[in-house]
PDB file of N, CA and C in Angstrom:
ATOM      1  N   MET A   1      54.979 -33.041  -6.692  1.00  0.00           N
ATOM      2  CA  MET A   1      53.787 -33.128  -5.845  1.00  0.00           C
ATOM      3  C   MET A   1      53.264 -31.764  -5.512  1.00  0.00           C
ATOM      4  N   LYS A   2      54.160 -30.771  -5.191  1.00  0.00           N
ATOM      5  CA  LYS A   2      53.657 -29.493  -4.830  1.00  0.00           C
ATOM      6  C   LYS A   2      52.981 -28.803  -6.094  1.00  0.00           C
ATOM      7  N   LEU A   3      53.555 -29.061  -7.265  1.00  0.00           N
ATOM      8  CA  LEU A   3      53.012 -28.511  -8.488  1.00  0.00           C
ATOM      9  C   LEU A   3      51.596 -29.049  -8.740  1.00  0.00           C
ATOM     10  N   LEU A   4      51.375 -30.305  -8.481  1.00  0.00           N
ATOM     11  CA  LEU A   4      50.072 -30.948  -8.646  1.00  0.00           C
ATOM     12  C   LEU A   4      49.074 -30.344  -7.686  1.00  0.00           C
ATOM     13  N   LYS A   5      49.461 -30.097  -6.420  1.00  0.00           N
ATOM     14  CA  LYS A   5      48.596 -29.521  -5.411  1.00  0.00           C
ATOM     15  C   LYS A   5      48.197 -28.060  -5.794  1.00  0.00           C
ATOM     16  N   ARG A   6      49.176 -27.301  -6.293  1.00  0.00           N
ATOM     17  CA  ARG A   6      48.913 -25.965  -6.716  1.00  0.00           C
ATOM     18  C   ARG A   6      47.924 -25.944  -7.930  1.00  0.00           C
ATOM     19  N   LYS A   7      48.156 -26.860  -8.815  1.00  0.00           N
ATOM     20  CA  LYS A   7      47.290 -26.917  -9.979  1.00  0.00           C
ATOM     21  C   LYS A   7      45.863 -27.315  -9.581  1.00  0.00           C
ATOM     22  N   ASN A   8      45.714 -28.247  -8.649  1.00  0.00           N
ATOM     23  CA  ASN A   8      44.423 -28.637  -8.136  1.00  0.00           C
ATOM     24  C   ASN A   8      43.778 -27.462  -7.416  1.00  0.00           C
ATOM     25  N   LEU A   9      44.545 -26.701  -6.652  1.00  0.00           N
ATOM     26  CA  LEU A   9      44.048 -25.607  -5.975  1.00  0.00           C
ATOM     27  C   LEU A   9      43.498 -24.581  -6.909  1.00  0.00           C
ATOM     28  N   TRP A  10      44.161 -24.289  -8.000  1.00  0.00           N
ATOM     29  CA  TRP A  10      43.715 -23.309  -8.990  1.00  0.00           C
ATOM     30  C   TRP A  10      42.442 -23.816  -9.684  1.00  0.00           C
ATOM     31  N   ILE A  11      42.382 -25.063  -9.940  1.00  0.00           N
ATOM     32  CA  ILE A  11      41.151 -25.687 -10.594  1.00  0.00           C
ATOM     33  C   ILE A  11      39.975 -25.530  -9.651  1.00  0.00           C
ATOM     34  N   PHE A  12      40.171 -25.915  -8.422  1.00  0.00           N
ATOM     35  CA  PHE A  12      39.041 -25.810  -7.408  1.00  0.00           C
ATOM     36  C   PHE A  12      38.648 -24.318  -7.235  1.00  0.00           C
ATOM     37  N   THR A  13      39.605 -23.450  -7.220  1.00  0.00           N
ATOM     38  CA  THR A  13      39.294 -22.000  -7.112  1.00  0.00           C
ATOM     39  C   THR A  13      38.462 -21.545  -8.315  1.00  0.00           C
ATOM     40  N   LEU A  14      38.901 -21.937  -9.516  1.00  0.00           N
ATOM     41  CA  LEU A  14      38.157 -21.505 -10.764  1.00  0.00           C
ATOM     42  C   LEU A  14      36.788 -22.110 -10.792  1.00  0.00           C
ATOM     43  N   VAL A  15      36.641 -23.390 -10.408  1.00  0.00           N
ATOM     44  CA  VAL A  15      35.348 -24.022 -10.360  1.00  0.00           C
ATOM     45  C   VAL A  15      34.423 -23.360  -9.372  1.00  0.00           C
ATOM     46  N   GLY A  16      34.966 -23.054  -8.190  1.00  0.00           N
ATOM     47  CA  GLY A  16      34.232 -22.376  -7.147  1.00  0.00           C
ATOM     48  C   GLY A  16      33.763 -20.996  -7.628  1.00  0.00           C
ATOM     49  N   MET A  17      34.643 -20.254  -8.256  1.00  0.00           N
ATOM     50  CA  MET A  17      34.292 -18.940  -8.799  1.00  0.00           C
ATOM     51  C   MET A  17      33.218 -19.064  -9.853  1.00  0.00           C
ATOM     52  N   PHE A  18      33.336 -20.086 -10.700  1.00  0.00           N
ATOM     53  CA  PHE A  18      32.339 -20.260 -11.786  1.00  0.00           C
ATOM     54  C   PHE A  18      30.984 -20.539 -11.159  1.00  0.00           C
ATOM     55  N   VAL A  19      30.914 -21.415 -10.157  1.00  0.00           N
ATOM     56  CA  VAL A  19      29.658 -21.741  -9.503  1.00  0.00           C
ATOM     57  C   VAL A  19      29.116 -20.478  -8.800  1.00  0.00           C
ATOM     58  N   TYR A  20      29.905 -19.757  -8.080  1.00  0.00           N
ATOM     59  CA  TYR A  20      29.523 -18.519  -7.386  1.00  0.00           C
ATOM     60  C   TYR A  20      28.906 -17.492  -8.370  1.00  0.00           C
ATOM     61  N   PHE A  21      29.661 -17.258  -9.486  1.00  0.00           N
ATOM     62  CA  PHE A  21      29.145 -16.256 -10.424  1.00  0.00           C
ATOM     63  C   PHE A  21      27.967 -16.734 -11.210  1.00  0.00           C
ATOM     64  N   SER A  22      27.809 -18.021 -11.400  1.00  0.00           N
ATOM     65  CA  SER A  22      26.668 -18.622 -12.028  1.00  0.00           C
ATOM     66  C   SER A  22      25.436 -18.383 -11.146  1.00  0.00           C
ATOM     67  N   PHE A  23      25.614 -18.613  -9.833  1.00  0.00           N
ATOM     68  CA  PHE A  23      24.549 -18.384  -8.853  1.00  0.00           C
ATOM     69  C   PHE A  23      24.142 -16.898  -8.827  1.00  0.00           C
ATOM     70  N   LEU A  24      25.186 -15.983  -8.814  1.00  0.00           N
ATOM     71  CA  LEU A  24      24.859 -14.575  -8.859  1.00  0.00           C
ATOM     72  C   LEU A  24      24.067 -14.195 -10.107  1.00  0.00           C
ATOM     73  N   HIS A  25      24.491 -14.698 -11.212  1.00  0.00           N
ATOM     74  CA  HIS A  25      23.791 -14.431 -12.483  1.00  0.00           C
ATOM     75  C   HIS A  25      22.357 -14.960 -12.392  1.00  0.00           C
ATOM     76  N   TYR A  26      22.111 -16.109 -11.920  1.00  0.00           N
ATOM     77  CA  TYR A  26      20.789 -16.694 -11.747  1.00  0.00           C
ATOM     78  C   TYR A  26      19.925 -15.795 -10.827  1.00  0.00           C
ATOM     79  N   GLN A  27      20.482 -15.392  -9.714  1.00  0.00           N
ATOM     80  CA  GLN A  27      19.727 -14.547  -8.760  1.00  0.00           C
ATOM     81  C   GLN A  27      19.394 -13.174  -9.430  1.00  0.00           C
ATOM     82  N   THR A  28      20.300 -12.591 -10.153  1.00  0.00           N
ATOM     83  CA  THR A  28      20.061 -11.336 -10.815  1.00  0.00           C
ATOM     84  C   THR A  28      18.985 -11.485 -11.895  1.00  0.00           C
ATOM     85  N   TYR A  29      19.035 -12.562 -12.656  1.00  0.00           N
ATOM     86  CA  TYR A  29      18.063 -12.824 -13.672  1.00  0.00           C
ATOM     87  C   TYR A  29      16.607 -12.978 -13.064  1.00  0.00           C
ATOM     88  N   THR A  30      16.563 -13.744 -11.988  1.00  0.00           N
ATOM     89  CA  THR A  30      15.193 -13.954 -11.392  1.00  0.00           C
ATOM     90  C   THR A  30      14.681 -12.671 -10.791  1.00  0.00           C
ATOM     91  N   ASP A  31      15.550 -11.852 -10.154  1.00  0.00           N
ATOM     92  CA  ASP A  31      15.137 -10.587  -9.619  1.00  0.00           C
ATOM     93  C   ASP A  31      14.652  -9.622 -10.776  1.00  0.00           C
ATOM     94  N   TYR A  32      15.405  -9.672 -11.862  1.00  0.00           N
ATOM     95  CA  TYR A  32      15.043  -8.839 -13.001  1.00  0.00           C
ATOM     96  C   TYR A  32      13.671  -9.228 -13.583  1.00  0.00           C
ATOM     97  N   THR A  33      13.401 -10.509 -13.713  1.00  0.00           N
ATOM     98  CA  THR A  33      12.097 -10.912 -14.260  1.00  0.00           C
ATOM     99  C   THR A  33      10.942 -10.558 -13.337  1.00  0.00           C
ATOM    100  N   VAL A  34      11.191 -10.664 -11.977  1.00  0.00           N
ATOM    101  CA  VAL A  34      10.124 -10.254 -11.087  1.00  0.00           C
ATOM    102  C   VAL A  34       9.891  -8.744 -11.137  1.00  0.00           C
ATOM    103  N   LEU A  35      10.931  -7.964 -11.291  1.00  0.00           N
ATOM    104  CA  LEU A  35      10.845  -6.520 -11.396  1.00  0.00           C
ATOM    105  C   LEU A  35      10.121  -6.128 -12.726  1.00  0.00           C
ATOM    106  N   LYS A  36      10.368  -6.884 -13.775  1.00  0.00           N
ATOM    107  CA  LYS A  36       9.697  -6.619 -15.053  1.00  0.00           C
ATOM    108  C   LYS A  36       8.164  -6.876 -14.931  1.00  0.00           C
ATOM    109  N   LYS A  37       7.838  -7.956 -14.205  1.00  0.00           N
ATOM    110  CA  LYS A  37       6.399  -8.266 -14.014  1.00  0.00           C
ATOM    111  C   LYS A  37       5.750  -7.109 -13.180  1.00  0.00           C
ATOM    112  N   ASP A  38       6.423  -6.704 -12.134  1.00  0.00           N
ATOM    113  CA  ASP A  38       5.917  -5.605 -11.266  1.00  0.00           C
ATOM    114  C   ASP A  38       5.755  -4.370 -12.063  1.00  0.00           C
ATOM    115  N   GLU A  39       6.776  -4.064 -12.955  1.00  0.00           N
ATOM    116  CA  GLU A  39       6.660  -2.891 -13.783  1.00  0.00           C
ATOM    117  C   GLU A  39       5.435  -2.900 -14.685  1.00  0.00           C
ATOM    118  N   LYS A  40       5.196  -4.072 -15.251  1.00  0.00           N
ATOM    119  CA  LYS A  40       4.003  -4.209 -16.113  1.00  0.00           C
ATOM    120  C   LYS A  40       2.703  -3.980 -15.325  1.00  0.00           C
ATOM    121  N   ILE A  41       2.613  -4.580 -14.119  1.00  0.00           N
ATOM    122  CA  ILE A  41       1.429  -4.406 -13.269  1.00  0.00           C
ATOM    123  C   ILE A  41       1.246  -2.933 -12.926  1.00  0.00           C
ATOM    124  N   TYR A  42       2.321  -2.285 -12.436  1.00  0.00           N
ATOM    125  CA  TYR A  42       2.169  -0.919 -12.033  1.00  0.00           C
ATOM    126  C   TYR A  42       1.927   0.021 -13.237  1.00  0.00           C
ATOM    127  N   THR A  43       2.449  -0.283 -14.395  1.00  0.00           N
ATOM    128  CA  THR A  43       2.159   0.513 -15.554  1.00  0.00           C
ATOM    129  C   THR A  43       0.677   0.452 -15.949  1.00  0.00           C
ATOM    130  N   GLU A  44       0.107  -0.766 -15.815  1.00  0.00           N
ATOM    131  CA  GLU A  44      -1.319  -0.931 -16.116  1.00  0.00           C
ATOM    132  C   GLU A  44      -2.135  -0.202 -15.051  1.00  0.00           C
ATOM    133  N   LYS A  45      -1.726  -0.242 -13.795  1.00  0.00           N
ATOM    134  CA  LYS A  45      -2.458   0.505 -12.757  1.00  0.00           C
ATOM    135  C   LYS A  45      -2.421   2.002 -12.994  1.00  0.00           C
ATOM    136  N   ILE A  46      -1.267   2.497 -13.367  1.00  0.00           N
ATOM    137  CA  ILE A  46      -1.091   3.907 -13.675  1.00  0.00           C
ATOM    138  C   ILE A  46      -2.031   4.293 -14.800  1.00  0.00           C
ATOM    139  N   ALA A  47      -2.050   3.495 -15.885  1.00  0.00           N
ATOM    140  CA  ALA A  47      -2.891   3.858 -17.051  1.00  0.00           C
ATOM    141  C   ALA A  47      -4.359   3.846 -16.587  1.00  0.00           C
ATOM    142  N   TYR A  48      -4.780   2.883 -15.766  1.00  0.00           N
ATOM    143  CA  TYR A  48      -6.140   2.819 -15.292  1.00  0.00           C
ATOM    144  C   TYR A  48      -6.480   4.054 -14.489  1.00  0.00           C
ATOM    145  N   GLU A  49      -5.619   4.475 -13.620  1.00  0.00           N
ATOM    146  CA  GLU A  49      -5.823   5.625 -12.700  1.00  0.00           C
ATOM    147  C   GLU A  49      -5.876   6.912 -13.530  1.00  0.00           C
ATOM    148  N   ARG A  50      -5.034   6.961 -14.570  1.00  0.00           N
ATOM    149  CA  ARG A  50      -5.087   8.152 -15.449  1.00  0.00           C
ATOM    150  C   ARG A  50      -6.387   8.271 -16.193  1.00  0.00           C
ATOM    151  N   GLU A  51      -6.883   7.107 -16.663  1.00  0.00           N
ATOM    152  CA  GLU A  51      -8.207   7.119 -17.302  1.00  0.00           C
ATOM    153  C   GLU A  51      -9.314   7.546 -16.365  1.00  0.00           C
ATOM    154  N   LYS A  52      -9.213   7.017 -15.173  1.00  0.00           N
ATOM    155  CA  LYS A  52     -10.219   7.389 -14.109  1.00  0.00           C
ATOM    156  C   LYS A  52     -10.128   8.864 -13.810  1.00  0.00           C
ATOM    157  N   GLN A  53      -8.916   9.414 -13.737  1.00  0.00           N
ATOM    158  CA  GLN A  53      -8.747  10.839 -13.444  1.00  0.00           C
ATOM    159  C   GLN A  53      -9.308  11.673 -14.598  1.00  0.00           C
ATOM    160  N   ALA A  54      -9.077  11.261 -15.811  1.00  0.00           N
ATOM    161  CA  ALA A  54      -9.609  12.010 -16.971  1.00  0.00           C
ATOM    162  C   ALA A  54     -11.120  12.009 -16.953  1.00  0.00           C
ATOM    163  N   GLU A  55     -11.703  10.854 -16.602  1.00  0.00           N
ATOM    164  CA  GLU A  55     -13.160  10.741 -16.511  1.00  0.00           C
ATOM    165  C   GLU A  55     -13.722  11.668 -15.388  1.00  0.00           C
ATOM    166  N   LEU A  56     -13.034  11.664 -14.250  1.00  0.00           N
ATOM    167  CA  LEU A  56     -13.474  12.564 -13.188  1.00  0.00           C
ATOM    168  C   LEU A  56     -13.308  14.069 -13.510  1.00  0.00           C
ATOM    169  N   GLU A  57     -12.279  14.382 -14.220  1.00  0.00           N
ATOM    170  CA  GLU A  57     -12.125  15.804 -14.694  1.00  0.00           C
ATOM    171  C   GLU A  57     -13.187  16.191 -15.636  1.00  0.00           C
ATOM    172  N   ARG A  58     -13.584  15.248 -16.538  1.00  0.00           N
ATOM    173  CA  ARG A  58     -14.641  15.544 -17.442  1.00  0.00           C
ATOM    174  C   ARG A  58     -15.948  15.687 -16.738  1.00  0.00           C
ATOM    175  N   LEU A  59     -16.220  14.852 -15.750  1.00  0.00           N
ATOM    176  CA  LEU A  59     -17.423  14.974 -14.983  1.00  0.00           C
ATOM    177  C   LEU A  59     -17.419  16.274 -14.161  1.00  0.00           C
ATOM    178  N   ASP A  60     -16.276  16.656 -13.647  1.00  0.00           N
ATOM    179  CA  ASP A  60     -16.120  17.885 -12.867  1.00  0.00           C
ATOM    180  C   ASP A  60     -16.467  19.139 -13.740  1.00  0.00           C
ATOM    181  N   GLN A  61     -15.946  19.135 -14.959  1.00  0.00           N
ATOM    182  CA  GLN A  61     -16.247  20.211 -15.872  1.00  0.00           C
ATOM    183  C   GLN A  61     -17.713  20.260 -16.223  1.00  0.00           C
ATOM    184  N   LYS A  62     -18.265  19.096 -16.396  1.00  0.00           N
ATOM    185  CA  LYS A  62     -19.736  18.978 -16.780  1.00  0.00           C
ATOM    186  C   LYS A  62     -20.582  19.427 -15.567  1.00  0.00           C
ATOM    187  N   ALA A  63     -20.162  19.041 -14.308  1.00  0.00           N
ATOM    188  CA  ALA A  63     -20.892  19.381 -13.138  1.00  0.00           C
ATOM    189  C   ALA A  63     -20.824  20.862 -12.801  1.00  0.00           C
ATOM    190  N   SER A  64     -19.761  21.510 -13.256  1.00  0.00           N
ATOM    191  CA  SER A  64     -19.620  22.904 -12.837  1.00  0.00           C
ATOM    192  C   SER A  64     -20.410  23.829 -13.735  1.00  0.00           C
ATOM    193  N   SER A  65     -21.069  23.283 -14.746  1.00  0.00           N
ATOM    194  CA  SER A  65     -21.896  24.194 -15.575  1.00  0.00           C
ATOM    195  C   SER A  65     -23.150  24.574 -14.842  1.00  0.00           C
ATOM    196  N   GLN A  66     -23.681  25.783 -15.188  1.00  0.00           N
ATOM    197  CA  GLN A  66     -24.799  26.327 -14.518  1.00  0.00           C
ATOM    198  C   GLN A  66     -26.107  25.439 -14.685  1.00  0.00           C
ATOM    199  N   LYS A  67     -26.257  24.859 -15.825  1.00  0.00           N
ATOM    200  CA  LYS A  67     -27.468  23.995 -16.038  1.00  0.00           C
ATOM    201  C   LYS A  67     -27.431  22.801 -15.108  1.00  0.00           C
ATOM    202  N   THR A  68     -26.292  22.157 -14.979  1.00  0.00           N
ATOM    203  CA  THR A  68     -26.129  21.001 -14.152  1.00  0.00           C
ATOM    204  C   THR A  68     -26.360  21.333 -12.699  1.00  0.00           C
ATOM    205  N   VAL A  69     -25.836  22.428 -12.228  1.00  0.00           N
ATOM    206  CA  VAL A  69     -25.979  22.835 -10.821  1.00  0.00           C
ATOM    207  C   VAL A  69     -27.482  23.128 -10.583  1.00  0.00           C
ATOM    208  N   GLU A  70     -28.137  23.778 -11.472  1.00  0.00           N
ATOM    209  CA  GLU A  70     -29.557  24.070 -11.284  1.00  0.00           C
ATOM    210  C   GLU A  70     -30.413  22.816 -11.314  1.00  0.00           C
ATOM    211  N   SER A  71     -30.096  21.846 -12.183  1.00  0.00           N
ATOM    212  CA  SER A  71     -30.922  20.604 -12.167  1.00  0.00           C
ATOM    213  C   SER A  71     -30.688  19.803 -10.948  1.00  0.00           C
ATOM    214  N   ILE A  72     -29.498  19.798 -10.408  1.00  0.00           N
ATOM    215  CA  ILE A  72     -29.244  19.077  -9.134  1.00  0.00           C
ATOM    216  C   ILE A  72     -29.988  19.765  -7.988  1.00  0.00           C
ATOM    217  N   ALA A  73     -29.976  21.076  -7.982  1.00  0.00           N
ATOM    218  CA  ALA A  73     -30.686  21.809  -6.923  1.00  0.00           C
ATOM    219  C   ALA A  73     -32.166  21.575  -7.044  1.00  0.00           C
ATOM    220  N   ARG A  74     -32.686  21.561  -8.206  1.00  0.00           N
ATOM    221  CA  ARG A  74     -34.151  21.345  -8.447  1.00  0.00           C
ATOM    222  C   ARG A  74     -34.560  19.902  -7.950  1.00  0.00           C
ATOM    223  N   SER A  75     -33.787  18.949  -8.341  1.00  0.00           N
ATOM    224  CA  SER A  75     -34.152  17.552  -8.028  1.00  0.00           C
ATOM    225  C   SER A  75     -33.895  17.184  -6.566  1.00  0.00           C
ATOM    226  N   SER A  76     -32.736  17.587  -6.065  1.00  0.00           N
ATOM    227  CA  SER A  76     -32.364  17.164  -4.724  1.00  0.00           C
ATOM    228  C   SER A  76     -32.963  18.045  -3.604  1.00  0.00           C
ATOM    229  N   LEU A  77     -32.941  19.315  -3.835  1.00  0.00           N
ATOM    230  CA  LEU A  77     -33.340  20.266  -2.808  1.00  0.00           C
ATOM    231  C   LEU A  77     -34.724  20.863  -2.968  1.00  0.00           C
ATOM    232  N   ASN A  78     -35.395  20.398  -3.981  1.00  0.00           N
ATOM    233  CA  ASN A  78     -36.735  20.909  -4.345  1.00  0.00           C
ATOM    234  C   ASN A  78     -36.702  22.448  -4.464  1.00  0.00           C
ATOM    235  N   TYR A  79     -35.684  22.894  -5.184  1.00  0.00           N
ATOM    236  CA  TYR A  79     -35.528  24.351  -5.431  1.00  0.00           C
ATOM    237  C   TYR A  79     -36.512  24.762  -6.459  1.00  0.00           C
ATOM    238  N   LEU A  80     -37.218  25.856  -6.229  1.00  0.00           N
ATOM    239  CA  LEU A  80     -38.216  26.376  -7.132  1.00  0.00           C
ATOM    240  C   LEU A  80     -37.828  27.799  -7.514  1.00  0.00           C
ATOM    241  N   LYS A  81     -38.136  28.156  -8.752  1.00  0.00           N
ATOM    242  CA  LYS A  81     -38.016  29.532  -9.162  1.00  0.00           C
ATOM    243  C   LYS A  81     -39.244  30.316  -8.734  1.00  0.00           C
ATOM    244  N   GLU A  82     -39.188  31.578  -8.784  1.00  0.00           N
ATOM    245  CA  GLU A  82     -40.276  32.402  -8.358  1.00  0.00           C
ATOM    246  C   GLU A  82     -41.468  32.215  -9.281  1.00  0.00           C
ATOM    247  N   GLY A  83     -42.598  31.924  -8.708  1.00  0.00           N
ATOM    248  CA  GLY A  83     -43.829  31.670  -9.501  1.00  0.00           C
ATOM    249  C   GLY A  83     -44.077  30.213  -9.847  1.00  0.00           C
ATOM    250  N   GLU A  84     -43.174  29.313  -9.501  1.00  0.00           N
ATOM    251  CA  GLU A  84     -43.336  27.877  -9.821  1.00  0.00           C
ATOM    252  C   GLU A  84     -44.075  27.211  -8.676  1.00  0.00           C
ATOM    253  N   ILE A  85     -44.752  26.140  -9.028  1.00  0.00           N
ATOM    254  CA  ILE A  85     -45.534  25.358  -8.012  1.00  0.00           C
ATOM    255  C   ILE A  85     -44.907  23.959  -7.913  1.00  0.00           C
ATOM    256  N   LEU A  86     -44.722  23.494  -6.736  1.00  0.00           N
ATOM    257  CA  LEU A  86     -44.150  22.184  -6.517  1.00  0.00           C
ATOM    258  C   LEU A  86     -45.276  21.139  -6.558  1.00  0.00           C
ATOM    259  N   PHE A  87     -45.077  20.141  -7.360  1.00  0.00           N
ATOM    260  CA  PHE A  87     -46.037  19.008  -7.416  1.00  0.00           C
ATOM    261  C   PHE A  87     -45.451  17.825  -6.644  1.00  0.00           C
ATOM    262  N   VAL A  88     -46.204  17.322  -5.693  1.00  0.00           N
ATOM    263  CA  VAL A  88     -45.769  16.177  -4.914  1.00  0.00           C
ATOM    264  C   VAL A  88     -46.627  15.011  -5.279  1.00  0.00           C
ATOM    265  N   ASP A  89     -46.043  13.911  -5.684  1.00  0.00           N
ATOM    266  CA  ASP A  89     -46.779  12.704  -6.035  1.00  0.00           C
ATOM    267  C   ASP A  89     -47.126  11.949  -4.747  1.00  0.00           C
ATOM    268  N   GLY A  90     -48.390  11.795  -4.517  1.00  0.00           N
ATOM    269  CA  GLY A  90     -48.819  11.148  -3.229  1.00  0.00           C
ATOM    270  C   GLY A  90     -48.593   9.630  -3.281  1.00  0.00           C
ATOM    271  N   ASP A  91     -48.482   9.019  -4.446  1.00  0.00           N
ATOM    272  CA  ASP A  91     -48.299   7.557  -4.539  1.00  0.00           C
ATOM    273  C   ASP A  91     -46.811   7.171  -4.301  1.00  0.00           C
ATOM    274  N   LYS A  92     -45.944   8.121  -4.460  1.00  0.00           N
ATOM    275  CA  LYS A  92     -44.507   7.792  -4.284  1.00  0.00           C
ATOM    276  C   LYS A  92     -44.182   7.827  -2.830  1.00  0.00           C
ATOM    277  N   LYS A  93     -43.307   6.911  -2.406  1.00  0.00           N
ATOM    278  CA  LYS A  93     -42.873   6.878  -1.018  1.00  0.00           C
ATOM    279  C   LYS A  93     -41.400   7.063  -0.904  1.00  0.00           C
TER     280      LYS A  93
END
């Protein structure tokens, strides 16, 4: 009788351990899949931000040229060179 109880105890223990480790494996797998999805999303965001940064750097280089600075000053600030005359369109508001 004692031998049968010990045998049942070992079987219950092994079944319990199997269920516990199966649950741990399932939890680990689900966490892993969520992290993989997050990694993909963040990788795409990083690529998008790098493209945006490259575009801004290109615009910065373009904007720092003397011609660009002069054209912005002429259009926005009505900057005139010596001897030039400013034409104002009366129909424009």
